[in-house]
C-alpha atoms as a PDB file:
ATOM      1  CA  MET A   1    -137.008  66.642  72.299  1.00  0.00           C
ATOM      2  CA  PRO A   2    -133.330  67.232  73.124  1.00  0.00           C
ATOM      3  CA  PRO A   3    -132.008  70.762  73.537  1.00  0.00           C
ATOM      4  CA  LYS A   4    -130.577  72.591  70.549  1.00  0.00           C
ATOM      5  CA  SER A   5    -127.259  73.253  72.261  1.00  0.00           C
ATOM      6  CA  LYS A   6    -125.245  72.307  75.321  1.00  0.00           C
ATOM      7  CA  GLU A   7    -125.988  75.731  76.747  1.00  0.00           C
ATOM      8  CA  ASP A   8    -129.686  74.952  77.175  1.00  0.00           C
ATOM      9  CA  ASN A   9    -130.535  74.731  80.834  1.00  0.00           C
ATOM     10  CA  PHE A  10    -131.286  71.557  82.682  1.00  0.00           C
ATOM     11  CA  LYS A  11    -132.659  71.457  86.209  1.00  0.00           C
ATOM     12  CA  TYR A  12    -130.848  69.299  88.715  1.00  0.00           C
ATOM     13  CA  HIS A  13    -132.402  67.963  91.891  1.00  0.00           C
ATOM     14  CA  LEU A  14    -130.788  66.280  94.855  1.00  0.00           C
ATOM     15  CA  GLY A  15    -133.009  63.997  96.868  1.00  0.00           C
ATOM     16  CA  LYS A  16    -135.951  61.721  96.451  1.00  0.00           C
ATOM     17  CA  THR A  17    -138.132  63.964  94.333  1.00  0.00           C
ATOM     18  CA  MET A  18    -139.957  61.239  92.424  1.00  0.00           C
ATOM     19  CA  PRO A  19    -141.751  57.993  93.314  1.00  0.00           C
ATOM     20  CA  PRO A  20    -139.557  54.867  93.446  1.00  0.00           C
ATOM     21  CA  GLN A  21    -141.592  53.222  90.661  1.00  0.00           C
ATOM     22  CA  ASP A  22    -140.792  56.145  88.331  1.00  0.00           C
ATOM     23  CA  ILE A  23    -137.089  55.665  89.049  1.00  0.00           C
ATOM     24  CA  VAL A  24    -137.384  51.932  88.341  1.00  0.00           C
ATOM     25  CA  ASN A  25    -139.236  52.685  85.095  1.00  0.00           C
ATOM     26  CA  PHE A  26    -136.541  55.143  83.978  1.00  0.00           C
ATOM     27  CA  PHE A  27    -133.722  52.670  84.585  1.00  0.00           C
ATOM     28  CA  SER A  28    -135.612  49.826  82.912  1.00  0.00           C
ATOM     29  CA  HIS A  29    -135.370  51.722  79.593  1.00  0.00           C
ATOM     30  CA  HIS A  30    -131.550  51.740  79.654  1.00  0.00           C
ATOM     31  CA  SER A  31    -130.222  48.273  78.889  1.00  0.00           C
ATOM     32  CA  GLU A  32    -126.546  49.278  79.243  1.00  0.00           C
ATOM     33  CA  VAL A  33    -127.063  50.170  82.881  1.00  0.00           C
ATOM     34  CA  SER A  34    -126.427  47.468  85.434  1.00  0.00           C
ATOM     35  CA  PHE A  35    -129.918  46.943  86.751  1.00  0.00           C
ATOM     36  CA  VAL A  36    -131.673  44.734  89.222  1.00  0.00           C
ATOM     37  CA  SER A  37    -133.606  41.758  87.956  1.00  0.00           C
ATOM     38  CA  GLN A  38    -137.379  41.885  87.608  1.00  0.00           C
ATOM     39  CA  SER A  39    -137.690  39.627  90.643  1.00  0.00           C
ATOM     40  CA  SER A  40    -135.897  42.109  92.916  1.00  0.00           C
ATOM     41  CA  ILE A  41    -137.641  45.363  91.951  1.00  0.00           C
ATOM     42  CA  ASP A  42    -139.349  45.590  95.348  1.00  0.00           C
ATOM     43  CA  LYS A  43    -135.954  45.372  97.066  1.00  0.00           C
ATOM     44  CA  PHE A  44    -134.621  48.072  94.723  1.00  0.00           C
ATOM     45  CA  LYS A  45    -137.547  50.338  95.667  1.00  0.00           C
ATOM     46  CA  LYS A  46    -136.703  49.848  99.359  1.00  0.00           C
ATOM     47  CA  ILE A  47    -133.059  50.760  98.716  1.00  0.00           C
ATOM     48  CA  ILE A  48    -134.169  53.956  96.968  1.00  0.00           C
ATOM     49  CA  GLN A  49    -136.040  54.957 100.126  1.00  0.00           C
ATOM     50  CA  GLU A  50    -133.152  54.270 102.545  1.00  0.00           C
ATOM     51  CA  PRO A  51    -131.749  57.354 104.318  1.00  0.00           C
ATOM     52  CA  ASN A  52    -128.198  56.670 103.099  1.00  0.00           C
ATOM     53  CA  THR A  53    -129.300  56.579  99.441  1.00  0.00           C
ATOM     54  CA  ILE A  54    -128.432  59.669  97.401  1.00  0.00           C
ATOM     55  CA  ILE A  55    -130.362  60.435  94.217  1.00  0.00           C
ATOM     56  CA  VAL A  56    -129.512  63.185  91.737  1.00  0.00           C
ATOM     57  CA  THR A  57    -131.822  63.817  88.779  1.00  0.00           C
ATOM     58  CA  ALA A  58    -131.723  66.042  85.725  1.00  0.00           C
ATOM     59  CA  SER A  59    -134.820  67.271  83.949  1.00  0.00           C
ATOM     60  CA  ASN A  60    -135.343  69.104  80.685  1.00  0.00           C
ATOM     61  CA  GLU A  61    -137.290  72.289  80.024  1.00  0.00           C
ATOM     62  CA  PHE A  62    -140.539  70.266  80.076  1.00  0.00           C
ATOM     63  CA  ASN A  63    -139.729  68.904  83.561  1.00  0.00           C
ATOM     64  CA  GLN A  64    -139.190  65.409  82.125  1.00  0.00           C
ATOM     65  CA  ILE A  65    -136.470  63.402  83.841  1.00  0.00           C
ATOM     66  CA  VAL A  66    -133.606  62.816  81.400  1.00  0.00           C
ATOM     67  CA  ALA A  67    -130.968  61.405  83.770  1.00  0.00           C
ATOM     68  CA  ILE A  68    -130.673  59.807  87.193  1.00  0.00           C
ATOM     69  CA  LEU A  69    -127.706  58.953  89.408  1.00  0.00           C
ATOM     70  CA  ILE A  70    -128.225  56.715  92.443  1.00  0.00           C
ATOM     71  CA  GLY A  71    -125.550  56.171  95.055  1.00  0.00           C
ATOM     72  CA  GLY A  72    -125.212  55.744  98.750  1.00  0.00           C
ATOM     73  CA  THR A  73    -122.978  55.935 101.760  1.00  0.00           C
ATOM     74  CA  LEU A  74    -121.368  52.956 103.439  1.00  0.00           C
ATOM     75  CA  GLY A  75    -119.876  54.184 106.698  1.00  0.00           C
ATOM     76  CA  THR A  76    -116.974  56.434 105.695  1.00  0.00           C
ATOM     77  CA  ARG A  77    -117.119  55.489 102.023  1.00  0.00           C
ATOM     78  CA  ALA A  78    -119.736  55.732  99.325  1.00  0.00           C
ATOM     79  CA  THR A  79    -120.625  54.206  95.998  1.00  0.00           C
ATOM     80  CA  ILE A  80    -122.391  55.081  92.796  1.00  0.00           C
ATOM     81  CA  ASN A  81    -124.757  52.243  92.021  1.00  0.00           C
ATOM     82  CA  HIS A  82    -126.592  53.347  88.885  1.00  0.00           C
ATOM     83  CA  VAL A  83    -126.356  56.149  86.333  1.00  0.00           C
ATOM     84  CA  ALA A  84    -128.602  56.444  83.314  1.00  0.00           C
ATOM     85  CA  ILE A  85    -128.951  59.263  80.807  1.00  0.00           C
ATOM     86  CA  ASN A  86    -131.581  59.297  78.097  1.00  0.00           C
ATOM     87  CA  ASN A  87    -129.733  58.627  74.815  1.00  0.00           C
ATOM     88  CA  ALA A  88    -131.126  61.808  73.235  1.00  0.00           C
ATOM     89  CA  TYR A  89    -129.499  63.863  76.021  1.00  0.00           C
ATOM     90  CA  ARG A  90    -126.030  62.369  76.048  1.00  0.00           C
ATOM     91  CA  ARG A  91    -122.982  64.531  75.312  1.00  0.00           C
ATOM     92  CA  TYR A  92    -124.550  67.601  76.965  1.00  0.00           C
ATOM     93  CA  GLY A  93    -122.468  67.450  80.139  1.00  0.00           C
ATOM     94  CA  ILE A  94    -125.349  66.097  82.220  1.00  0.00           C
ATOM     95  CA  GLY A  95    -123.369  63.145  83.567  1.00  0.00           C
ATOM     96  CA  THR A  96    -120.575  65.443  84.699  1.00  0.00           C
ATOM     97  CA  VAL A  97    -123.019  67.664  86.588  1.00  0.00           C
ATOM     98  CA  LEU A  98    -124.731  64.663  88.201  1.00  0.00           C
ATOM     99  CA  VAL A  99    -121.391  63.358  89.466  1.00  0.00           C
ATOM    100  CA  ASN A 100    -120.293  66.813  90.665  1.00  0.00           C
ATOM    101  CA  LYS A 101    -123.523  67.267  92.637  1.00  0.00           C
ATOM    102  CA  PHE A 102    -123.127  63.774  94.097  1.00  0.00           C
ATOM    103  CA  GLU A 103    -119.568  64.630  95.172  1.00  0.00           C
ATOM    104  CA  ILE A 104    -120.720  67.859  96.860  1.00  0.00           C
ATOM    105  CA  GLU A 105    -123.280  65.873  98.834  1.00  0.00           C
ATOM    106  CA  LEU A 106    -120.617  63.334  99.834  1.00  0.00           C
ATOM    107  CA  ARG A 107    -118.298  66.101 101.047  1.00  0.00           C
ATOM    108  CA  ASN A 108    -121.194  67.597 103.036  1.00  0.00           C
ATOM    109  CA  ARG A 109    -121.623  64.206 104.713  1.00  0.00           C
ATOM    110  CA  GLY A 110    -117.895  63.904 105.465  1.00  0.00           C
ATOM    111  CA  ILE A 111    -117.252  61.163 102.900  1.00  0.00           C
ATOM    112  CA  ALA A 112    -113.741  61.342 101.438  1.00  0.00           C
ATOM    113  CA  ARG A 113    -113.727  58.357  99.055  1.00  0.00           C
ATOM    114  CA  TYR A 114    -116.185  56.588  96.829  1.00  0.00           C
ATOM    115  CA  PHE A 115    -116.145  53.848  94.263  1.00  0.00           C
ATOM    116  CA  LEU A 116    -118.169  52.244  91.506  1.00  0.00           C
ATOM    117  CA  PHE A 117    -118.065  49.208  89.285  1.00  0.00           C
ATOM    118  CA  VAL A 118    -118.061  49.258  85.482  1.00  0.00           C
ATOM    119  CA  GLU A 119    -117.997  46.270  83.183  1.00  0.00           C
ATOM    120  CA  LYS A 120    -114.727  46.044  81.256  1.00  0.00           C
ATOM    121  CA  ASN A 121    -116.500  45.971  77.883  1.00  0.00           C
ATOM    122  CA  ASN A 122    -118.497  49.175  78.538  1.00  0.00           C
ATOM    123  CA  ALA A 123    -116.169  51.464  76.588  1.00  0.00           C
ATOM    124  CA  ILE A 124    -118.395  54.551  76.796  1.00  0.00           C
ATOM    125  CA  ALA A 125    -118.714  54.311  80.581  1.00  0.00           C
ATOM    126  CA  ASN A 126    -115.009  53.613  81.066  1.00  0.00           C
ATOM    127  CA  LYS A 127    -114.093  56.642  78.971  1.00  0.00           C
ATOM    128  CA  PHE A 128    -116.503  58.829  80.969  1.00  0.00           C
ATOM    129  CA  TRP A 129    -115.169  57.749  84.383  1.00  0.00           C
ATOM    130  CA  GLU A 130    -111.571  58.220  83.271  1.00  0.00           C
ATOM    131  CA  LYS A 131    -112.500  61.732  82.091  1.00  0.00           C
ATOM    132  CA  MET A 132    -113.933  62.341  85.571  1.00  0.00           C
ATOM    133  CA  ASN A 133    -110.470  61.525  87.045  1.00  0.00           C
ATOM    134  CA  PHE A 134    -111.365  58.094  88.354  1.00  0.00           C
ATOM    135  CA  TYR A 135    -108.676  55.454  88.354  1.00  0.00           C
ATOM    136  CA  THR A 136    -108.847  51.690  88.282  1.00  0.00           C
ATOM    137  CA  THR A 137    -107.640  49.859  91.340  1.00  0.00           C
ATOM    138  CA  SER A 138    -104.553  47.703  91.176  1.00  0.00           C
ATOM    139  CA  ASN A 139    -104.783  44.211  89.765  1.00  0.00           C
ATOM    140  CA  ALA A 140    -104.143  42.943  93.284  1.00  0.00           C
ATOM    141  CA  GLU A 141    -107.616  44.055  94.372  1.00  0.00           C
ATOM    142  CA  VAL A 142    -110.357  41.529  93.741  1.00  0.00           C
ATOM    143  CA  THR A 143    -114.107  42.025  93.759  1.00  0.00           C
ATOM    144  CA  TYR A 144    -115.977  39.122  95.297  1.00  0.00           C
ATOM    145  CA  GLU A 145    -119.637  38.505  94.707  1.00  0.00           C
ATOM    146  CA  LYS A 146    -122.155  36.138  96.259  1.00  0.00           C
ATOM    147  CA  ASN A 147    -125.778  35.601  95.285  1.00  0.00           C
ATOM    148  CA  LEU A 148    -128.088  35.149  98.251  1.00  0.00           C
ATOM    149  CA  PHE A 149    -131.286  34.591  96.276  1.00  0.00           C
END
Protein backbone atom coordinates (compact mmCIF):
# COMPACT_ATOMS: atom_id res chain seq x y z
CA MET A 1 0.00 0.00 0.00
CA PRO A 2 1.46 3.39 -0.96
CA PRO A 3 2.08 6.03 1.69
CA LYS A 4 -0.62 8.56 2.47
CA SER A 5 1.65 11.52 1.80
CA LYS A 6 5.03 12.42 0.35
CA GLU A 7 6.27 13.02 3.87
CA ASP A 8 6.04 9.33 4.78
CA ASN A 9 9.49 7.91 5.25
CA PHE A 10 11.20 5.57 2.87
CA LYS A 11 14.42 3.76 3.66
CA TYR A 12 17.23 4.03 1.16
CA HIS A 13 20.09 1.57 0.88
CA LEU A 14 23.31 1.81 -1.07
CA GLY A 15 24.91 -1.47 -2.01
CA LYS A 16 23.99 -5.00 -2.85
CA THR A 17 21.50 -5.63 -0.07
CA MET A 18 19.32 -8.13 -1.91
CA PRO A 19 19.90 -11.27 -4.00
CA PRO A 20 20.44 -10.70 -7.74
CA GLN A 21 17.35 -12.78 -8.59
CA ASP A 22 15.18 -10.44 -6.49
CA ILE A 23 16.55 -7.47 -8.44
CA VAL A 24 15.83 -9.24 -11.74
CA ASN A 25 12.30 -10.05 -10.55
CA PHE A 26 11.66 -6.41 -9.57
CA PHE A 27 12.79 -5.08 -12.95
CA SER A 28 10.82 -7.73 -14.85
CA HIS A 29 7.59 -6.17 -13.52
CA HIS A 30 8.33 -2.78 -15.13
CA SER A 31 7.84 -2.99 -18.88
CA GLU A 32 8.84 0.65 -19.51
CA VAL A 33 12.32 0.01 -18.18
CA SER A 34 14.96 -1.00 -20.67
CA PHE A 35 15.64 -4.53 -19.55
CA VAL A 36 17.77 -7.44 -20.58
CA SER A 37 16.21 -10.24 -22.55
CA GLN A 38 15.19 -13.48 -20.85
CA SER A 39 18.14 -15.21 -22.50
CA SER A 40 20.68 -12.90 -20.84
CA ILE A 41 19.39 -12.89 -17.24
CA ASP A 42 22.43 -14.84 -16.02
CA LYS A 43 24.72 -12.19 -17.52
CA PHE A 44 22.64 -9.47 -15.85
CA LYS A 45 23.02 -11.23 -12.49
CA LYS A 46 26.81 -11.28 -12.98
CA ILE A 47 26.82 -7.55 -13.76
CA ILE A 48 24.88 -6.87 -10.56
CA GLN A 49 27.64 -8.59 -8.59
CA GLU A 50 30.55 -6.71 -10.23
CA PRO A 51 32.52 -4.41 -7.90
CA ASN A 52 31.96 -1.36 -10.13
CA THR A 53 28.16 -1.80 -10.06
CA ILE A 54 26.28 0.63 -7.81
CA ILE A 55 22.80 -0.25 -6.57
CA VAL A 56 20.49 2.09 -4.66
CA THR A 57 17.16 0.78 -3.36
CA ALA A 58 14.16 2.31 -1.66
CA SER A 59 11.85 0.38 0.62
CA ASN A 60 8.53 1.23 2.22
CA GLU A 61 7.51 0.98 5.86
CA PHE A 62 6.99 -2.78 5.42
CA ASN A 63 10.58 -3.21 4.15
CA GLN A 64 9.29 -4.02 0.65
CA ILE A 65 11.48 -2.75 -2.17
CA VAL A 66 9.59 -0.07 -4.13
CA ALA A 67 12.41 1.28 -6.32
CA ILE A 68 15.84 0.31 -7.60
CA LEU A 69 18.55 2.22 -9.44
CA ILE A 70 21.47 0.31 -10.98
CA GLY A 71 24.52 2.04 -12.39
CA GLY A 72 28.22 1.57 -12.61
CA THR A 73 31.58 3.16 -13.13
CA LEU A 74 33.54 3.03 -16.36
CA GLY A 75 37.00 4.38 -15.61
CA THR A 76 36.52 8.08 -14.91
CA ARG A 77 32.88 8.12 -16.01
CA ALA A 78 29.76 6.33 -14.90
CA THR A 79 26.34 5.41 -16.18
CA ILE A 80 22.87 4.72 -14.91
CA ASN A 81 21.70 1.52 -16.52
CA HIS A 82 18.28 0.86 -15.01
CA VAL A 83 15.79 2.69 -12.80
CA ALA A 84 12.42 1.30 -11.84
CA ILE A 85 9.87 2.61 -9.36
CA ASN A 86 6.73 0.71 -8.44
CA ASN A 87 3.84 2.58 -10.11
CA ALA A 88 2.01 2.97 -6.78
CA TYR A 89 5.02 4.87 -5.39
CA ARG A 90 5.68 7.29 -8.21
CA ARG A 91 5.49 11.05 -7.62
CA TYR A 92 6.81 10.73 -4.05
CA GLY A 93 10.30 12.01 -4.80
CA ILE A 94 11.85 8.54 -4.62
CA GLY A 95 13.55 8.81 -8.01
CA THR A 96 15.14 12.11 -7.03
CA VAL A 97 16.55 10.60 -3.83
CA LEU A 98 17.85 7.53 -5.67
CA VAL A 99 19.70 9.73 -8.16
CA ASN A 100 21.05 12.01 -5.41
CA LYS A 101 22.41 9.03 -3.46
CA PHE A 102 23.95 7.64 -6.65
CA GLU A 103 25.63 11.00 -7.31
CA ILE A 104 27.06 11.11 -3.76
CA GLU A 105 28.56 7.67 -4.30
CA LEU A 106 30.04 8.77 -7.63
CA ARG A 107 31.63 11.84 -6.02
CA ASN A 108 33.06 9.60 -3.28
CA ARG A 109 34.66 7.49 -6.01
CA GLY A 110 36.07 10.55 -7.80
CA ILE A 111 33.68 10.33 -10.76
CA ALA A 112 32.86 13.75 -12.22
CA ARG A 113 30.55 12.85 -15.12
CA TYR A 114 27.93 10.25 -15.85
CA PHE A 115 25.43 9.50 -18.55
CA LEU A 116 22.37 7.44 -19.37
CA PHE A 117 20.23 6.57 -22.34
CA VAL A 118 16.49 7.19 -22.61
CA GLU A 119 14.26 6.31 -25.53
CA LYS A 120 12.95 9.42 -27.29
CA ASN A 121 9.32 8.35 -26.88
CA ASN A 122 9.58 7.86 -23.09
CA ALA A 123 8.06 11.23 -22.18
CA ILE A 124 7.84 10.56 -18.44
CA ALA A 125 11.51 9.57 -18.20
CA ASN A 126 12.65 12.48 -20.36
CA LYS A 127 10.73 14.94 -18.20
CA PHE A 128 12.25 13.44 -15.03
CA TRP A 129 15.86 13.61 -16.29
CA GLU A 130 15.40 17.18 -17.49
CA LYS A 131 14.05 18.07 -14.03
CA MET A 132 17.21 16.51 -12.58
CA ASN A 133 19.29 19.00 -14.66
CA PHE A 134 20.44 16.51 -17.26
CA TYR A 135 20.94 17.75 -20.78
CA THR A 136 20.87 15.98 -24.11
CA THR A 137 24.11 15.77 -26.01
CA SER A 138 24.51 17.60 -29.28
CA ASN A 139 23.11 16.10 -32.45
CA ALA A 140 26.70 15.57 -33.57
CA GLU A 141 27.14 12.80 -31.00
CA VAL A 142 26.05 9.37 -32.16
CA THR A 143 25.40 6.26 -30.11
CA TYR A 144 26.60 3.10 -31.80
CA GLU A 145 25.37 -0.33 -30.85
CA LYS A 146 26.47 -3.83 -31.78
CA ASN A 147 24.86 -7.12 -30.81
CA LEU A 148 27.37 -9.84 -29.98
CA PHE A 149 24.86 -12.61 -29.29
